[in-house]
N, C-alpha and C. Protein backbone atom coordinates (compact mmCIF):
# COMPACT_ATOMS: atom_id res chain seq x y z
N MET A 1 120.92 73.45 109.28
CA MET A 1 119.77 73.76 108.46
C MET A 1 118.53 73.08 109.05
N LYS A 2 118.70 71.82 109.39
CA LYS A 2 117.56 71.08 109.95
C LYS A 2 117.07 71.66 111.26
N GLU A 3 118.00 72.08 112.09
CA GLU A 3 117.66 72.64 113.40
C GLU A 3 116.91 73.94 113.26
N VAL A 4 117.33 74.80 112.40
CA VAL A 4 116.64 76.08 112.17
C VAL A 4 115.29 75.80 111.61
N ALA A 5 115.15 74.90 110.66
CA ALA A 5 113.83 74.53 110.07
C ALA A 5 112.89 74.06 111.18
N LEU A 6 113.40 73.13 112.01
CA LEU A 6 112.53 72.62 113.09
C LEU A 6 112.06 73.75 114.06
N GLN A 7 112.99 74.63 114.40
CA GLN A 7 112.68 75.70 115.33
C GLN A 7 111.70 76.69 114.65
N ALA A 8 111.78 76.86 113.37
CA ALA A 8 110.87 77.76 112.63
C ALA A 8 109.54 77.11 112.31
N GLY A 9 109.47 75.77 112.54
CA GLY A 9 108.25 75.05 112.34
C GLY A 9 107.98 74.74 110.88
N VAL A 10 109.02 74.56 110.11
CA VAL A 10 108.84 74.22 108.68
C VAL A 10 109.70 73.02 108.35
N PRO A 11 109.32 72.33 107.29
CA PRO A 11 110.19 71.18 106.88
C PRO A 11 111.56 71.63 106.44
N PRO A 12 112.56 70.83 106.61
CA PRO A 12 113.95 71.19 106.16
C PRO A 12 113.94 71.52 104.67
N SER A 13 113.19 70.83 103.88
CA SER A 13 113.18 71.12 102.45
C SER A 13 112.69 72.52 102.14
N THR A 14 111.70 72.94 102.92
CA THR A 14 111.12 74.30 102.73
C THR A 14 112.21 75.34 103.09
N TYR A 15 112.91 75.13 104.23
CA TYR A 15 113.97 76.03 104.69
C TYR A 15 115.09 76.09 103.63
N LYS A 16 115.43 74.95 103.10
CA LYS A 16 116.47 74.87 102.06
C LYS A 16 116.10 75.74 100.86
N GLU A 17 114.81 75.66 100.44
CA GLU A 17 114.35 76.47 99.34
C GLU A 17 114.47 77.94 99.66
N TRP A 18 114.19 78.33 100.88
CA TRP A 18 114.31 79.76 101.27
C TRP A 18 115.78 80.19 101.10
N GLU A 19 116.72 79.34 101.57
CA GLU A 19 118.12 79.71 101.47
C GLU A 19 118.56 79.86 100.02
N TYR A 20 117.94 79.15 99.11
CA TYR A 20 118.28 79.24 97.72
C TYR A 20 117.47 80.32 96.97
N GLY A 21 116.74 81.14 97.71
CA GLY A 21 116.09 82.27 97.15
C GLY A 21 114.68 82.13 96.74
N ARG A 22 114.07 81.03 97.02
CA ARG A 22 112.64 80.87 96.71
C ARG A 22 111.77 81.68 97.65
N ALA A 23 110.70 82.18 97.21
CA ALA A 23 109.80 82.99 98.07
C ALA A 23 109.30 82.22 99.26
N ILE A 24 109.19 82.90 100.34
CA ILE A 24 108.65 82.30 101.57
C ILE A 24 107.14 82.36 101.44
N GLN A 25 106.48 81.22 101.51
CA GLN A 25 105.04 81.14 101.48
C GLN A 25 104.46 81.22 102.91
N GLY A 26 103.32 81.87 103.03
CA GLY A 26 102.77 81.98 104.32
C GLY A 26 103.40 83.11 105.14
N GLU A 27 103.34 83.01 106.42
CA GLU A 27 103.92 84.11 107.24
C GLU A 27 104.76 83.60 108.40
N PRO A 28 105.81 82.84 108.12
CA PRO A 28 106.66 82.35 109.21
C PRO A 28 107.80 83.39 109.53
N TYR A 29 107.69 84.60 109.04
CA TYR A 29 108.81 85.52 109.12
C TYR A 29 109.25 85.80 110.56
N GLN A 30 108.29 86.12 111.43
CA GLN A 30 108.67 86.42 112.82
C GLN A 30 109.29 85.23 113.47
N SER A 31 108.72 84.06 113.26
CA SER A 31 109.29 82.86 113.83
C SER A 31 110.72 82.62 113.37
N LEU A 32 110.95 82.75 112.07
CA LEU A 32 112.30 82.58 111.52
C LEU A 32 113.24 83.65 112.08
N ALA A 33 112.79 84.86 112.17
CA ALA A 33 113.66 85.91 112.74
C ALA A 33 114.02 85.59 114.17
N ASN A 34 113.07 85.09 114.95
CA ASN A 34 113.34 84.76 116.35
C ASN A 34 114.37 83.65 116.44
N VAL A 35 114.20 82.62 115.57
CA VAL A 35 115.15 81.48 115.59
C VAL A 35 116.56 81.95 115.27
N LEU A 36 116.67 82.87 114.30
CA LEU A 36 117.97 83.34 113.90
C LEU A 36 118.52 84.49 114.72
N GLY A 37 117.67 84.97 115.70
CA GLY A 37 118.11 86.00 116.55
C GLY A 37 118.26 87.36 115.83
N LEU A 38 117.41 87.63 114.86
CA LEU A 38 117.44 88.84 114.09
C LEU A 38 116.18 89.67 114.31
N PRO A 39 116.28 90.97 114.16
CA PRO A 39 115.05 91.74 114.09
C PRO A 39 114.34 91.41 112.79
N LEU A 40 113.03 91.48 112.77
CA LEU A 40 112.27 91.15 111.61
C LEU A 40 112.66 92.02 110.43
N THR A 41 112.89 93.29 110.62
CA THR A 41 113.28 94.16 109.51
C THR A 41 114.57 93.71 108.88
N GLU A 42 115.50 93.23 109.68
CA GLU A 42 116.76 92.80 109.12
C GLU A 42 116.61 91.53 108.29
N LEU A 43 115.80 90.64 108.76
CA LEU A 43 115.53 89.43 108.02
C LEU A 43 114.84 89.74 106.67
N LEU A 44 113.93 90.70 106.65
CA LEU A 44 113.19 91.04 105.46
C LEU A 44 113.92 91.86 104.44
N ASN A 45 114.77 92.84 104.93
CA ASN A 45 115.40 93.70 103.98
C ASN A 45 116.94 93.62 104.01
N GLY A 46 117.45 92.83 104.90
CA GLY A 46 118.88 92.57 104.88
C GLY A 46 119.77 93.68 105.48
N THR A 47 119.15 94.65 106.10
CA THR A 47 119.88 95.71 106.72
C THR A 47 119.50 95.88 108.17
N LYS A 48 120.42 96.28 108.97
CA LYS A 48 120.13 96.52 110.38
C LYS A 48 119.48 97.87 110.56
N ASP A 49 118.51 97.94 111.47
CA ASP A 49 117.92 99.20 111.84
C ASP A 49 118.93 100.05 112.63
N ASP A 50 119.03 101.26 112.30
CA ASP A 50 119.85 102.22 113.03
C ASP A 50 118.92 102.82 114.10
N PRO A 51 119.18 102.55 115.37
CA PRO A 51 118.28 103.10 116.43
C PRO A 51 118.10 104.58 116.35
N LYS A 52 119.14 105.31 115.96
CA LYS A 52 119.03 106.78 115.84
C LYS A 52 118.02 107.14 114.72
N THR A 53 118.14 106.42 113.62
CA THR A 53 117.22 106.72 112.52
C THR A 53 115.77 106.35 112.89
N ALA A 54 115.60 105.22 113.59
CA ALA A 54 114.23 104.84 114.01
C ALA A 54 113.72 105.87 115.02
N ALA A 55 114.56 106.34 115.92
CA ALA A 55 114.12 107.34 116.88
C ALA A 55 113.71 108.65 116.15
N ASP A 56 114.51 109.03 115.14
CA ASP A 56 114.18 110.28 114.41
C ASP A 56 112.87 110.11 113.66
N ARG A 57 112.62 108.95 113.09
CA ARG A 57 111.35 108.72 112.36
C ARG A 57 110.19 108.77 113.35
N PHE A 58 110.38 108.24 114.53
CA PHE A 58 109.36 108.29 115.59
C PHE A 58 109.04 109.70 115.98
N LYS A 59 110.09 110.52 116.20
CA LYS A 59 109.91 111.90 116.57
C LYS A 59 109.15 112.66 115.47
N LYS A 60 109.48 112.42 114.24
CA LYS A 60 108.78 113.07 113.11
C LYS A 60 107.29 112.67 113.09
N ALA A 61 107.06 111.39 113.29
CA ALA A 61 105.68 110.88 113.28
C ALA A 61 104.88 111.53 114.41
N MET A 62 105.48 111.61 115.60
CA MET A 62 104.81 112.25 116.74
C MET A 62 104.49 113.69 116.47
N LYS A 63 105.42 114.45 115.85
CA LYS A 63 105.19 115.82 115.52
C LYS A 63 104.06 115.94 114.51
N LEU A 64 103.99 115.08 113.54
CA LEU A 64 102.88 115.09 112.58
C LEU A 64 101.54 114.85 113.29
N LEU A 65 101.55 113.88 114.19
CA LEU A 65 100.31 113.61 114.95
C LEU A 65 99.88 114.84 115.82
N ARG A 66 100.83 115.49 116.39
CA ARG A 66 100.48 116.66 117.20
C ARG A 66 99.94 117.75 116.29
N ASP A 67 100.55 117.93 115.12
CA ASP A 67 100.07 118.93 114.16
C ASP A 67 98.63 118.64 113.70
N VAL A 68 98.39 117.37 113.42
CA VAL A 68 97.04 116.98 113.01
C VAL A 68 96.03 117.21 114.14
N GLU A 69 96.43 116.86 115.38
CA GLU A 69 95.53 117.08 116.50
C GLU A 69 95.28 118.55 116.68
N ARG A 70 96.26 119.42 116.54
CA ARG A 70 96.08 120.86 116.67
C ARG A 70 95.15 121.37 115.56
N ASP A 71 95.32 120.87 114.35
CA ASP A 71 94.48 121.31 113.24
C ASP A 71 93.03 120.84 113.46
N LEU A 72 92.84 119.63 113.95
CA LEU A 72 91.46 119.18 114.21
C LEU A 72 90.83 119.97 115.32
N GLN A 73 91.61 120.31 116.35
CA GLN A 73 91.03 121.10 117.45
C GLN A 73 90.64 122.49 116.95
N SER A 74 91.41 123.05 116.04
CA SER A 74 91.04 124.39 115.59
C SER A 74 89.84 124.34 114.71
N LEU A 75 89.63 123.23 114.01
CA LEU A 75 88.43 123.04 113.17
C LEU A 75 87.18 122.76 113.94
N PHE A 76 87.31 121.82 114.94
CA PHE A 76 86.13 121.35 115.62
C PHE A 76 86.04 121.75 117.07
N GLY A 77 87.03 122.49 117.54
CA GLY A 77 87.01 122.90 118.96
C GLY A 77 87.61 121.79 119.79
N SER A 78 88.06 122.13 120.96
CA SER A 78 88.64 121.14 121.84
C SER A 78 87.63 120.64 122.87
N ASP A 79 87.75 119.37 123.26
CA ASP A 79 86.84 118.79 124.22
C ASP A 79 87.59 118.67 125.55
């Protein structure tokens, strides 16, 4: 516990409070995730990201962006 706290840059008492469910004050999330060897999303929501799901979300977002770009070009003309 002390080692993780030191690596995260917080006092051991603060880290102990986190383990007991107290809210994390400030923004040490990325540092703590790095120390624990976890992706930030897993630290924050307790679930692992499924690479396939993330890739699917990315593809959908890119399609939406292309659709918006096409709509804007039809409204304002292309440059």
